[in-house]
């Protein structure tokens, strides 16, 4: 099993969000050779652009994760509340849902851990 740790670097205090780095770390319980991870995201509130190393990350398309520590950058294009819903999956089918919500005065993070999908 694994979980995620995130550091959102920014302070908004009632102003437009601007550009915010989202630093992710995959925390593994065990290290298995050949384990790989990927993610996709949805923007359920607000508008903005998510990038990785300067490239736009397409909505609802799985992206491979090259390292256990990685940074995505979010560029807000509105002043309303914004929510990014991430789905992380490893090559064993274990899934972690992760939501980041940006509000005008504070940031909230929530992680829900789900069991592996069974086919």
PDB file of N, CA and C in Angstrom:
ATOM      1  N   UNK A   1       0.834  -1.170   0.000  1.00  0.00           N
ATOM      2  CA  UNK A   1       0.000   0.000   0.000  1.00  0.00           C
ATOM      3  C   UNK A   1       0.884   1.241   0.000  1.00  0.00           C
ATOM      4  N   UNK A   2       0.305   2.373  -0.359  1.00  0.00           N
ATOM      5  CA  UNK A   2       1.027   3.632  -0.372  1.00  0.00           C
ATOM      6  C   UNK A   2       0.057   4.754  -0.038  1.00  0.00           C
ATOM      7  N   UNK A   3       0.597   5.914   0.281  1.00  0.00           N
ATOM      8  CA  UNK A   3      -0.224   7.095   0.501  1.00  0.00           C
ATOM      9  C   UNK A   3       0.528   8.288  -0.080  1.00  0.00           C
ATOM     10  N   UNK A   4      -0.099   9.449  -0.048  1.00  0.00           N
ATOM     11  CA  UNK A   4       0.497  10.658  -0.598  1.00  0.00           C
ATOM     12  C   UNK A   4       0.666  11.698   0.485  1.00  0.00           C
ATOM     13  N   UNK A   5       1.714  12.465   0.337  1.00  0.00           N
ATOM     14  CA  UNK A   5       1.926  13.625   1.185  1.00  0.00           C
ATOM     15  C   UNK A   5       2.075  14.808   0.245  1.00  0.00           C
ATOM     16  N   UNK A   6       1.467  15.937   0.605  1.00  0.00           N
ATOM     17  CA  UNK A   6       1.485  17.097  -0.275  1.00  0.00           C
ATOM     18  C   UNK A   6       1.865  18.343   0.499  1.00  0.00           C
ATOM     19  N   UNK A   7       2.603  19.210  -0.158  1.00  0.00           N
ATOM     20  CA  UNK A   7       2.881  20.538   0.369  1.00  0.00           C
ATOM     21  C   UNK A   7       2.414  21.518  -0.685  1.00  0.00           C
ATOM     22  N   UNK A   8       1.454  22.363  -0.313  1.00  0.00           N
ATOM     23  CA  UNK A   8       0.949  23.391  -1.219  1.00  0.00           C
ATOM     24  C   UNK A   8       1.577  24.698  -0.764  1.00  0.00           C
ATOM     25  N   UNK A   9       2.405  25.289  -1.618  1.00  0.00           N
ATOM     26  CA  UNK A   9       3.165  26.468  -1.257  1.00  0.00           C
ATOM     27  C   UNK A   9       2.473  27.715  -1.781  1.00  0.00           C
ATOM     28  N   UNK A  10       1.705  28.388  -0.917  1.00  0.00           N
ATOM     29  CA  UNK A  10       1.048  29.615  -1.331  1.00  0.00           C
ATOM     30  C   UNK A  10       0.137  30.152  -0.245  1.00  0.00           C
ATOM     31  N   UNK A  11      -0.202  31.409  -0.347  1.00  0.00           N
ATOM     32  CA  UNK A  11      -1.102  32.054   0.605  1.00  0.00           C
ATOM     33  C   UNK A  11      -1.988  32.993  -0.203  1.00  0.00           C
ATOM     34  N   UNK A  12      -3.295  32.866  -0.050  1.00  0.00           N
ATOM     35  CA  UNK A  12      -4.181  33.590  -0.950  1.00  0.00           C
ATOM     36  C   UNK A  12      -4.973  34.706  -0.303  1.00  0.00           C
ATOM     37  N   UNK A  13      -5.388  34.586   0.927  1.00  0.00           N
ATOM     38  CA  UNK A  13      -6.024  35.635   1.710  1.00  0.00           C
ATOM     39  C   UNK A  13      -6.923  36.562   0.897  1.00  0.00           C
ATOM     40  N   UNK A  14      -7.909  36.000   0.209  1.00  0.00           N
ATOM     41  CA  UNK A  14      -8.916  36.787  -0.472  1.00  0.00           C
ATOM     42  C   UNK A  14      -8.483  37.411  -1.787  1.00  0.00           C
ATOM     43  N   UNK A  15      -7.394  36.956  -2.355  1.00  0.00           N
ATOM     44  CA  UNK A  15      -6.954  37.485  -3.643  1.00  0.00           C
ATOM     45  C   UNK A  15      -6.854  36.338  -4.641  1.00  0.00           C
ATOM     46  N   UNK A  16      -6.743  36.644  -5.924  1.00  0.00           N
ATOM     47  CA  UNK A  16      -6.617  35.555  -6.904  1.00  0.00           C
ATOM     48  C   UNK A  16      -5.446  34.651  -6.565  1.00  0.00           C
ATOM     49  N   UNK A  17      -5.610  33.399  -6.866  1.00  0.00           N
ATOM     50  CA  UNK A  17      -4.649  32.376  -6.486  1.00  0.00           C
ATOM     51  C   UNK A  17      -3.293  32.553  -7.147  1.00  0.00           C
ATOM     52  N   UNK A  18      -3.257  32.923  -8.409  1.00  0.00           N
ATOM     53  CA  UNK A  18      -1.986  33.022  -9.103  1.00  0.00           C
ATOM     54  C   UNK A  18      -1.420  31.657  -9.418  1.00  0.00           C
ATOM     55  N   UNK A  19      -0.086  31.529  -9.353  1.00  0.00           N
ATOM     56  CA  UNK A  19       0.588  30.270  -9.639  1.00  0.00           C
ATOM     57  C   UNK A  19       1.043  29.638  -8.328  1.00  0.00           C
ATOM     58  N   UNK A  20       0.731  28.352  -8.178  1.00  0.00           N
ATOM     59  CA  UNK A  20       1.026  27.650  -6.935  1.00  0.00           C
ATOM     60  C   UNK A  20       1.707  26.320  -7.239  1.00  0.00           C
ATOM     61  N   UNK A  21       2.904  26.063  -6.659  1.00  0.00           N
ATOM     62  CA  UNK A  21       3.512  24.741  -6.794  1.00  0.00           C
ATOM     63  C   UNK A  21       2.834  23.747  -5.855  1.00  0.00           C
ATOM     64  N   UNK A  22       2.551  22.567  -6.361  1.00  0.00           N
ATOM     65  CA  UNK A  22       1.962  21.474  -5.580  1.00  0.00           C
ATOM     66  C   UNK A  22       3.015  20.376  -5.503  1.00  0.00           C
ATOM     67  N   UNK A  23       3.627  20.228  -4.340  1.00  0.00           N
ATOM     68  CA  UNK A  23       4.707  19.261  -4.165  1.00  0.00           C
ATOM     69  C   UNK A  23       4.128  17.958  -3.607  1.00  0.00           C
ATOM     70  N   UNK A  24       4.300  16.862  -4.356  1.00  0.00           N
ATOM     71  CA  UNK A  24       3.780  15.553  -3.971  1.00  0.00           C
ATOM     72  C   UNK A  24       4.912  14.610  -3.606  1.00  0.00           C
ATOM     73  N   UNK A  25       4.666  13.757  -2.616  1.00  0.00           N
ATOM     74  CA  UNK A  25       5.572  12.659  -2.276  1.00  0.00           C
ATOM     75  C   UNK A  25       4.743  11.393  -2.131  1.00  0.00           C
ATOM     76  N   UNK A  26       5.171  10.334  -2.799  1.00  0.00           N
ATOM     77  CA  UNK A  26       4.537   9.028  -2.637  1.00  0.00           C
ATOM     78  C   UNK A  26       5.249   8.334  -1.485  1.00  0.00           C
ATOM     79  N   UNK A  27       4.487   7.961  -0.473  1.00  0.00           N
ATOM     80  CA  UNK A  27       5.037   7.300   0.703  1.00  0.00           C
ATOM     81  C   UNK A  27       4.676   5.821   0.597  1.00  0.00           C
ATOM     82  N   UNK A  28       5.683   4.979   0.377  1.00  0.00           N
ATOM     83  CA  UNK A  28       5.458   3.544   0.184  1.00  0.00           C
ATOM     84  C   UNK A  28       5.625   2.795   1.508  1.00  0.00           C
ATOM     85  N   UNK A  29       4.758   1.813   1.739  1.00  0.00           N
ATOM     86  CA  UNK A  29       4.947   0.922   2.878  1.00  0.00           C
ATOM     87  C   UNK A  29       6.054  -0.080   2.579  1.00  0.00           C
ATOM     88  N   UNK A  30       6.116  -0.552   1.351  1.00  0.00           N
ATOM     89  CA  UNK A  30       7.136  -1.500   0.903  1.00  0.00           C
ATOM     90  C   UNK A  30       7.660  -1.037  -0.454  1.00  0.00           C
ATOM     91  N   UNK A  31       8.885  -1.389  -0.762  1.00  0.00           N
ATOM     92  CA  UNK A  31       9.465  -1.063  -2.062  1.00  0.00           C
ATOM     93  C   UNK A  31       9.585  -2.342  -2.879  1.00  0.00           C
ATOM     94  N   UNK A  32       8.822  -2.416  -3.955  1.00  0.00           N
ATOM     95  CA  UNK A  32       8.858  -3.570  -4.855  1.00  0.00           C
ATOM     96  C   UNK A  32       9.470  -3.149  -6.177  1.00  0.00           C
ATOM     97  N   UNK A  33      10.345  -3.970  -6.708  1.00  0.00           N
ATOM     98  CA  UNK A  33      10.956  -3.682  -8.000  1.00  0.00           C
ATOM     99  C   UNK A  33       9.876  -3.600  -9.067  1.00  0.00           C
ATOM    100  N   UNK A  34       9.981  -2.616  -9.901  1.00  0.00           N
ATOM    101  CA  UNK A  34       9.049  -2.486 -11.018  1.00  0.00           C
ATOM    102  C   UNK A  34       7.747  -1.767 -10.708  1.00  0.00           C
ATOM    103  N   UNK A  35       7.575  -1.289  -9.472  1.00  0.00           N
ATOM    104  CA  UNK A  35       6.345  -0.571  -9.143  1.00  0.00           C
ATOM    105  C   UNK A  35       6.329   0.754  -9.885  1.00  0.00           C
ATOM    106  N   UNK A  36       5.202   1.060 -10.509  1.00  0.00           N
ATOM    107  CA  UNK A  36       5.052   2.329 -11.209  1.00  0.00           C
ATOM    108  C   UNK A  36       3.741   2.982 -10.784  1.00  0.00           C
ATOM    109  N   UNK A  37       3.694   4.289 -10.951  1.00  0.00           N
ATOM    110  CA  UNK A  37       2.529   5.073 -10.551  1.00  0.00           C
ATOM    111  C   UNK A  37       2.123   5.989 -11.695  1.00  0.00           C
ATOM    112  N   UNK A  38       0.850   6.316 -11.720  1.00  0.00           N
ATOM    113  CA  UNK A  38       0.331   7.296 -12.671  1.00  0.00           C
ATOM    114  C   UNK A  38      -0.802   8.054 -11.983  1.00  0.00           C
ATOM    115  N   UNK A  39      -1.158   9.206 -12.557  1.00  0.00           N
ATOM    116  CA  UNK A  39      -2.252   9.991 -12.001  1.00  0.00           C
ATOM    117  C   UNK A  39      -3.056  10.638 -13.122  1.00  0.00           C
ATOM    118  N   UNK A  40      -4.270  11.005 -12.769  1.00  0.00           N
ATOM    119  CA  UNK A  40      -5.078  11.871 -13.614  1.00  0.00           C
ATOM    120  C   UNK A  40      -5.794  12.831 -12.684  1.00  0.00           C
ATOM    121  N   UNK A  41      -6.368  13.906 -13.239  1.00  0.00           N
ATOM    122  CA  UNK A  41      -7.066  14.853 -12.389  1.00  0.00           C
ATOM    123  C   UNK A  41      -8.286  15.406 -13.108  1.00  0.00           C
ATOM    124  N   UNK A  42      -9.179  15.943 -12.289  1.00  0.00           N
ATOM    125  CA  UNK A  42     -10.370  16.635 -12.761  1.00  0.00           C
ATOM    126  C   UNK A  42     -10.407  17.968 -12.021  1.00  0.00           C
ATOM    127  N   UNK A  43     -10.958  19.002 -12.642  1.00  0.00           N
ATOM    128  CA  UNK A  43     -11.164  20.260 -11.929  1.00  0.00           C
ATOM    129  C   UNK A  43     -12.662  20.403 -11.723  1.00  0.00           C
ATOM    130  N   UNK A  44     -13.114  20.135 -10.488  1.00  0.00           N
ATOM    131  CA  UNK A  44     -14.549  20.132 -10.217  1.00  0.00           C
ATOM    132  C   UNK A  44     -15.086  21.503  -9.836  1.00  0.00           C
ATOM    133  N   UNK A  45     -14.241  22.434  -9.436  1.00  0.00           N
ATOM    134  CA  UNK A  45     -14.634  23.819  -9.146  1.00  0.00           C
ATOM    135  C   UNK A  45     -13.571  24.752  -9.681  1.00  0.00           C
ATOM    136  N   UNK A  46     -14.001  25.916 -10.169  1.00  0.00           N
ATOM    137  CA  UNK A  46     -13.074  26.941 -10.628  1.00  0.00           C
ATOM    138  C   UNK A  46     -12.477  26.636 -11.989  1.00  0.00           C
ATOM    139  N   UNK A  47     -11.507  27.465 -12.372  1.00  0.00           N
ATOM    140  CA  UNK A  47     -10.805  27.273 -13.641  1.00  0.00           C
ATOM    141  C   UNK A  47      -9.321  27.549 -13.440  1.00  0.00           C
ATOM    142  N   UNK A  48      -8.507  26.811 -14.157  1.00  0.00           N
ATOM    143  CA  UNK A  48      -7.072  26.984 -14.073  1.00  0.00           C
ATOM    144  C   UNK A  48      -6.365  25.975 -14.954  1.00  0.00           C
ATOM    145  N   UNK A  49      -5.035  26.033 -14.924  1.00  0.00           N
ATOM    146  CA  UNK A  49      -4.207  25.161 -15.750  1.00  0.00           C
ATOM    147  C   UNK A  49      -3.198  24.466 -14.850  1.00  0.00           C
ATOM    148  N   UNK A  50      -3.081  23.140 -15.004  1.00  0.00           N
ATOM    149  CA  UNK A  50      -2.106  22.351 -14.271  1.00  0.00           C
ATOM    150  C   UNK A  50      -0.966  22.003 -15.224  1.00  0.00           C
ATOM    151  N   UNK A  51       0.277  22.208 -14.769  1.00  0.00           N
ATOM    152  CA  UNK A  51       1.427  21.886 -15.607  1.00  0.00           C
ATOM    153  C   UNK A  51       2.424  21.029 -14.829  1.00  0.00           C
ATOM    154  N   UNK A  52       3.241  20.307 -15.583  1.00  0.00           N
ATOM    155  CA  UNK A  52       4.343  19.518 -15.037  1.00  0.00           C
ATOM    156  C   UNK A  52       5.567  19.800 -15.904  1.00  0.00           C
ATOM    157  N   UNK A  53       6.591  20.380 -15.307  1.00  0.00           N
ATOM    158  CA  UNK A  53       7.815  20.737 -16.028  1.00  0.00           C
ATOM    159  C   UNK A  53       7.515  21.580 -17.258  1.00  0.00           C
ATOM    160  N   UNK A  54       6.572  22.520 -17.124  1.00  0.00           N
ATOM    161  CA  UNK A  54       6.246  23.453 -18.194  1.00  0.00           C
ATOM    162  C   UNK A  54       5.258  22.940 -19.222  1.00  0.00           C
ATOM    163  N   UNK A  55       4.840  21.681 -19.131  1.00  0.00           N
ATOM    164  CA  UNK A  55       3.887  21.113 -20.082  1.00  0.00           C
ATOM    165  C   UNK A  55       2.511  21.004 -19.434  1.00  0.00           C
ATOM    166  N   UNK A  56       1.491  21.410 -20.168  1.00  0.00           N
ATOM    167  CA  UNK A  56       0.123  21.319 -19.668  1.00  0.00           C
ATOM    168  C   UNK A  56      -0.258  19.864 -19.446  1.00  0.00           C
ATOM    169  N   UNK A  57      -0.863  19.594 -18.283  1.00  0.00           N
ATOM    170  CA  UNK A  57      -1.339  18.250 -17.966  1.00  0.00           C
ATOM    171  C   UNK A  57      -2.786  18.155 -18.425  1.00  0.00           C
ATOM    172  N   UNK A  58      -3.108  17.285 -19.375  1.00  0.00           N
ATOM    173  CA  UNK A  58      -4.488  17.182 -19.847  1.00  0.00           C
ATOM    174  C   UNK A  58      -5.424  16.644 -18.759  1.00  0.00           C
ATOM    175  N   UNK A  59      -6.619  17.186 -18.727  1.00  0.00           N
ATOM    176  CA  UNK A  59      -7.635  16.745 -17.770  1.00  0.00           C
ATOM    177  C   UNK A  59      -8.075  15.327 -18.110  1.00  0.00           C
ATOM    178  N   UNK A  60      -8.225  14.489 -17.080  1.00  0.00           N
ATOM    179  CA  UNK A  60      -8.755  13.122 -17.195  1.00  0.00           C
ATOM    180  C   UNK A  60      -7.933  12.211 -18.111  1.00  0.00           C
ATOM    181  N   UNK A  61      -6.637  12.441 -18.188  1.00  0.00           N
ATOM    182  CA  UNK A  61      -5.729  11.568 -18.943  1.00  0.00           C
ATOM    183  C   UNK A  61      -4.616  11.120 -18.007  1.00  0.00           C
ATOM    184  N   UNK A  62      -4.421   9.829 -17.891  1.00  0.00           N
ATOM    185  CA  UNK A  62      -3.379   9.333 -16.999  1.00  0.00           C
ATOM    186  C   UNK A  62      -2.003   9.798 -17.466  1.00  0.00           C
ATOM    187  N   UNK A  63      -1.191  10.222 -16.490  1.00  0.00           N
ATOM    188  CA  UNK A  63       0.177  10.660 -16.709  1.00  0.00           C
ATOM    189  C   UNK A  63       1.089   9.790 -15.853  1.00  0.00           C
ATOM    190  N   UNK A  64       2.148   9.271 -16.435  1.00  0.00           N
ATOM    191  CA  UNK A  64       3.115   8.476 -15.676  1.00  0.00           C
ATOM    192  C   UNK A  64       3.867   9.372 -14.700  1.00  0.00           C
ATOM    193  N   UNK A  65       4.218   8.815 -13.547  1.00  0.00           N
ATOM    194  CA  UNK A  65       4.989   9.540 -12.544  1.00  0.00           C
ATOM    195  C   UNK A  65       6.397   8.949 -12.546  1.00  0.00           C
ATOM    196  N   UNK A  66       7.403   9.799 -12.798  1.00  0.00           N
ATOM    197  CA  UNK A  66       8.772   9.322 -12.961  1.00  0.00           C
ATOM    198  C   UNK A  66       9.512   9.142 -11.639  1.00  0.00           C
ATOM    199  N   UNK A  67       9.057   9.798 -10.580  1.00  0.00           N
ATOM    200  CA  UNK A  67       9.778   9.781  -9.309  1.00  0.00           C
ATOM    201  C   UNK A  67       8.776   9.819  -8.155  1.00  0.00           C
ATOM    202  N   UNK A  68       9.164   9.312  -6.993  1.00  0.00           N
ATOM    203  CA  UNK A  68       8.282   9.353  -5.820  1.00  0.00           C
ATOM    204  C   UNK A  68       8.041  10.778  -5.334  1.00  0.00           C
ATOM    205  N   UNK A  69       8.919  11.701  -5.673  1.00  0.00           N
ATOM    206  CA  UNK A  69       8.760  13.118  -5.340  1.00  0.00           C
ATOM    207  C   UNK A  69       8.651  13.904  -6.636  1.00  0.00           C
ATOM    208  N   UNK A  70       7.576  14.670  -6.776  1.00  0.00           N
ATOM    209  CA  UNK A  70       7.392  15.440  -8.002  1.00  0.00           C
ATOM    210  C   UNK A  70       6.577  16.693  -7.704  1.00  0.00           C
ATOM    211  N   UNK A  71       6.682  17.682  -8.601  1.00  0.00           N
ATOM    212  CA  UNK A  71       6.009  18.958  -8.422  1.00  0.00           C
ATOM    213  C   UNK A  71       5.138  19.236  -9.638  1.00  0.00           C
ATOM    214  N   UNK A  72       3.887  19.582  -9.373  1.00  0.00           N
ATOM    215  CA  UNK A  72       2.978  20.092 -10.392  1.00  0.00           C
ATOM    216  C   UNK A  72       2.766  21.571 -10.085  1.00  0.00           C
ATOM    217  N   UNK A  73       2.476  22.350 -11.099  1.00  0.00           N
ATOM    218  CA  UNK A  73       2.220  23.773 -10.893  1.00  0.00           C
ATOM    219  C   UNK A  73       0.808  24.082 -11.344  1.00  0.00           C
ATOM    220  N   UNK A  74       0.050  24.766 -10.477  1.00  0.00           N
ATOM    221  CA  UNK A  74      -1.329  25.133 -10.798  1.00  0.00           C
ATOM    222  C   UNK A  74      -1.400  26.636 -10.996  1.00  0.00           C
ATOM    223  N   UNK A  75      -1.959  27.049 -12.125  1.00  0.00           N
ATOM    224  CA  UNK A  75      -2.166  28.469 -12.452  1.00  0.00           C
ATOM    225  C   UNK A  75      -3.658  28.749 -12.436  1.00  0.00           C
ATOM    226  N   UNK A  76      -4.102  29.521 -11.466  1.00  0.00           N
ATOM    227  CA  UNK A  76      -5.511  29.877 -11.356  1.00  0.00           C
ATOM    228  C   UNK A  76      -5.884  30.890 -12.429  1.00  0.00           C
ATOM    229  N   UNK A  77      -7.105  30.766 -12.935  1.00  0.00           N
ATOM    230  CA  UNK A  77      -7.619  31.760 -13.883  1.00  0.00           C
ATOM    231  C   UNK A  77      -8.936  32.348 -13.386  1.00  0.00           C
ATOM    232  N   UNK A  78      -9.216  32.219 -12.086  1.00  0.00           N
ATOM    233  CA  UNK A  78     -10.429  32.789 -11.508  1.00  0.00           C
ATOM    234  C   UNK A  78     -10.207  33.103 -10.041  1.00  0.00           C
ATOM    235  N   UNK A  79     -11.154  33.789  -9.418  1.00  0.00           N
ATOM    236  CA  UNK A  79     -11.052  34.150  -8.006  1.00  0.00           C
ATOM    237  C   UNK A  79     -11.953  33.306  -7.123  1.00  0.00           C
ATOM    238  N   UNK A  80     -12.782  32.447  -7.700  1.00  0.00           N
ATOM    239  CA  UNK A  80     -13.698  31.611  -6.935  1.00  0.00           C
ATOM    240  C   UNK A  80     -12.957  30.429  -6.316  1.00  0.00           C
ATOM    241  N   UNK A  81     -13.673  29.702  -5.457  1.00  0.00           N
ATOM    242  CA  UNK A  81     -13.108  28.464  -4.906  1.00  0.00           C
ATOM    243  C   UNK A  81     -12.758  27.527  -6.049  1.00  0.00           C
ATOM    244  N   UNK A  82     -11.652  26.797  -5.878  1.00  0.00           N
ATOM    245  CA  UNK A  82     -11.196  25.866  -6.901  1.00  0.00           C
ATOM    246  C   UNK A  82     -10.899  24.520  -6.265  1.00  0.00           C
ATOM    247  N   UNK A  83     -11.214  23.476  -7.002  1.00  0.00           N
ATOM    248  CA  UNK A  83     -10.973  22.130  -6.476  1.00  0.00           C
ATOM    249  C   UNK A  83     -10.385  21.254  -7.554  1.00  0.00           C
ATOM    250  N   UNK A  84      -9.284  20.591  -7.198  1.00  0.00           N
ATOM    251  CA  UNK A  84      -8.641  19.617  -8.073  1.00  0.00           C
ATOM    252  C   UNK A  84      -8.798  18.257  -7.427  1.00  0.00           C
ATOM    253  N   UNK A  85      -9.346  17.301  -8.175  1.00  0.00           N
ATOM    254  CA  UNK A  85      -9.543  15.931  -7.701  1.00  0.00           C
ATOM    255  C   UNK A  85      -8.578  15.030  -8.454  1.00  0.00           C
ATOM    256  N   UNK A  86      -7.633  14.447  -7.734  1.00  0.00           N
ATOM    257  CA  UNK A  86      -6.617  13.575  -8.310  1.00  0.00           C
ATOM    258  C   UNK A  86      -6.967  12.117  -8.056  1.00  0.00           C
ATOM    259  N   UNK A  87      -6.600  11.256  -9.006  1.00  0.00           N
ATOM    260  CA  UNK A  87      -6.689   9.808  -8.851  1.00  0.00           C
ATOM    261  C   UNK A  87      -5.294   9.263  -9.138  1.00  0.00           C
ATOM    262  N   UNK A  88      -4.684   8.617  -8.147  1.00  0.00           N
ATOM    263  CA  UNK A  88      -3.379   7.992  -8.291  1.00  0.00           C
ATOM    264  C   UNK A  88      -3.580   6.483  -8.312  1.00  0.00           C
ATOM    265  N   UNK A  89      -2.874   5.797  -9.212  1.00  0.00           N
ATOM    266  CA  UNK A  89      -2.999   4.344  -9.338  1.00  0.00           C
ATOM    267  C   UNK A  89      -1.606   3.757  -9.532  1.00  0.00           C
ATOM    268  N   UNK A  90      -1.340   2.637  -8.839  1.00  0.00           N
ATOM    269  CA  UNK A  90      -0.084   1.947  -9.095  1.00  0.00           C
ATOM    270  C   UNK A  90      -0.345   0.773 -10.039  1.00  0.00           C
ATOM    271  N   UNK A  91       0.716   0.099 -10.477  1.00  0.00           N
ATOM    272  CA  UNK A  91       0.554  -0.984 -11.450  1.00  0.00           C
ATOM    273  C   UNK A  91      -0.029  -2.252 -10.831  1.00  0.00           C
ATOM    274  N   UNK A  92      -0.327  -2.239  -9.521  1.00  0.00           N
ATOM    275  CA  UNK A  92      -1.033  -3.347  -8.874  1.00  0.00           C
ATOM    276  C   UNK A  92      -2.528  -3.056  -8.759  1.00  0.00           C
ATOM    277  N   UNK A  93      -2.959  -1.898  -9.269  1.00  0.00           N
ATOM    278  CA  UNK A  93      -4.373  -1.531  -9.223  1.00  0.00           C
ATOM    279  C   UNK A  93      -4.796  -0.826  -7.947  1.00  0.00           C
ATOM    280  N   UNK A  94      -3.847  -0.526  -7.059  1.00  0.00           N
ATOM    281  CA  UNK A  94      -4.189   0.184  -5.825  1.00  0.00           C
ATOM    282  C   UNK A  94      -4.359   1.665  -6.135  1.00  0.00           C
ATOM    283  N   UNK A  95      -5.444   2.221  -5.624  1.00  0.00           N
ATOM    284  CA  UNK A  95      -5.861   3.571  -5.981  1.00  0.00           C
ATOM    285  C   UNK A  95      -5.914   4.463  -4.739  1.00  0.00           C
ATOM    286  N   UNK A  96      -5.489   5.708  -4.918  1.00  0.00           N
ATOM    287  CA  UNK A  96      -5.623   6.733  -3.887  1.00  0.00           C
ATOM    288  C   UNK A  96      -6.279   7.946  -4.529  1.00  0.00           C
ATOM    289  N   UNK A  97      -7.389   8.394  -3.947  1.00  0.00           N
ATOM    290  CA  UNK A  97      -8.050   9.624  -4.380  1.00  0.00           C
ATOM    291  C   UNK A  97      -7.549  10.751  -3.496  1.00  0.00           C
ATOM    292  N   UNK A  98      -7.260  11.899  -4.088  1.00  0.00           N
ATOM    293  CA  UNK A  98      -6.707  13.017  -3.336  1.00  0.00           C
ATOM    294  C   UNK A  98      -7.331  14.301  -3.859  1.00  0.00           C
ATOM    295  N   UNK A  99      -7.863  15.117  -2.962  1.00  0.00           N
ATOM    296  CA  UNK A  99      -8.522  16.360  -3.355  1.00  0.00           C
ATOM    297  C   UNK A  99      -7.808  17.544  -2.725  1.00  0.00           C
ATOM    298  N   UNK A 100      -7.567  18.571  -3.536  1.00  0.00           N
ATOM    299  CA  UNK A 100      -7.019  19.829  -3.036  1.00  0.00           C
ATOM    300  C   UNK A 100      -8.030  20.918  -3.361  1.00  0.00           C
ATOM    301  N   UNK A 101      -8.436  21.667  -2.334  1.00  0.00           N
ATOM    302  CA  UNK A 101      -9.388  22.753  -2.505  1.00  0.00           C
ATOM    303  C   UNK A 101      -8.710  24.061  -2.138  1.00  0.00           C
ATOM    304  N   UNK A 102      -8.810  25.035  -3.024  1.00  0.00           N
ATOM    305  CA  UNK A 102      -8.292  26.370  -2.764  1.00  0.00           C
ATOM    306  C   UNK A 102      -9.485  27.270  -2.487  1.00  0.00           C
ATOM    307  N   UNK A 103      -9.513  27.894  -1.322  1.00  0.00           N
ATOM    308  CA  UNK A 103     -10.544  28.864  -0.979  1.00  0.00           C
ATOM    309  C   UNK A 103      -9.887  30.237  -0.916  1.00  0.00           C
ATOM    310  N   UNK A 104     -10.685  31.272  -0.855  1.00  0.00           N
ATOM    311  CA  UNK A 104     -10.122  32.619  -0.863  1.00  0.00           C
ATOM    312  C   UNK A 104      -9.312  32.921   0.394  1.00  0.00           C
ATOM    313  N   UNK A 105      -9.575  32.227   1.517  1.00  0.00           N
ATOM    314  CA  UNK A 105      -8.867  32.540   2.742  1.00  0.00           C
ATOM    315  C   UNK A 105      -8.007  31.402   3.283  1.00  0.00           C
ATOM    316  N   UNK A 106      -8.193  30.186   2.789  1.00  0.00           N
ATOM    317  CA  UNK A 106      -7.424  29.081   3.334  1.00  0.00           C
ATOM    318  C   UNK A 106      -7.363  27.948   2.331  1.00  0.00           C
ATOM    319  N   UNK A 107      -6.503  26.998   2.583  1.00  0.00           N
ATOM    320  CA  UNK A 107      -6.369  25.809   1.748  1.00  0.00           C
ATOM    321  C   UNK A 107      -6.744  24.599   2.579  1.00  0.00           C
ATOM    322  N   UNK A 108      -7.535  23.699   1.982  1.00  0.00           N
ATOM    323  CA  UNK A 108      -7.897  22.466   2.659  1.00  0.00           C
ATOM    324  C   UNK A 108      -7.421  21.307   1.797  1.00  0.00           C
ATOM    325  N   UNK A 109      -6.940  20.264   2.433  1.00  0.00           N
ATOM    326  CA  UNK A 109      -6.536  19.062   1.716  1.00  0.00           C
ATOM    327  C   UNK A 109      -7.244  17.878   2.341  1.00  0.00           C
ATOM    328  N   UNK A 110      -7.628  16.957   1.496  1.00  0.00           N
ATOM    329  CA  UNK A 110      -8.307  15.772   1.993  1.00  0.00           C
ATOM    330  C   UNK A 110      -7.839  14.586   1.168  1.00  0.00           C
ATOM    331  N   UNK A 111      -7.524  13.501   1.838  1.00  0.00           N
ATOM    332  CA  UNK A 111      -7.138  12.277   1.138  1.00  0.00           C
ATOM    333  C   UNK A 111      -8.041  11.145   1.594  1.00  0.00           C
ATOM    334  N   UNK A 112      -8.531  10.397   0.643  1.00  0.00           N
ATOM    335  CA  UNK A 112      -9.351   9.221   0.958  1.00  0.00           C
ATOM    336  C   UNK A 112      -8.640   8.023   0.335  1.00  0.00           C
ATOM    337  N   UNK A 113      -8.426   7.008   1.107  1.00  0.00           N
ATOM    338  CA  UNK A 113      -7.723   5.827   0.637  1.00  0.00           C
ATOM    339  C   UNK A 113      -8.734   4.738   0.330  1.00  0.00           C
ATOM    340  N   UNK A 114      -8.701   4.260  -0.880  1.00  0.00           N
ATOM    341  CA  UNK A 114      -9.646   3.240  -1.326  1.00  0.00           C
ATOM    342  C   UNK A 114      -8.908   1.927  -1.561  1.00  0.00           C
ATOM    343  N   UNK A 115      -9.570   0.808  -1.371  1.00  0.00           N
ATOM    344  CA  UNK A 115      -8.932  -0.488  -1.656  1.00  0.00           C
ATOM    345  C   UNK A 115      -8.721  -0.661  -3.149  1.00  0.00           C
ATOM    346  N   UNK A 116      -7.890  -1.605  -3.541  1.00  0.00           N
ATOM    347  CA  UNK A 116      -7.635  -1.845  -4.958  1.00  0.00           C
ATOM    348  C   UNK A 116      -8.938  -2.199  -5.702  1.00  0.00           C
ATOM    349  N   UNK A 117      -8.980  -1.760  -6.948  1.00  0.00           N
ATOM    350  CA  UNK A 117     -10.120  -2.115  -7.805  1.00  0.00           C
ATOM    351  C   UNK A 117      -9.994  -3.577  -8.196  1.00  0.00           C
ATOM    352  N   UNK A 118     -11.102  -4.292  -8.167  1.00  0.00           N
ATOM    353  CA  UNK A 118     -11.095  -5.702  -8.562  1.00  0.00           C
ATOM    354  C   UNK A 118     -11.839  -5.852  -9.879  1.00  0.00           C
ATOM    355  N   UNK A 119     -11.233  -6.521 -10.803  1.00  0.00           N
ATOM    356  CA  UNK A 119     -11.868  -6.725 -12.124  1.00  0.00           C
ATOM    357  C   UNK A 119     -12.483  -8.091 -12.216  1.00  0.00           C
TER     358      UNK A 119
END
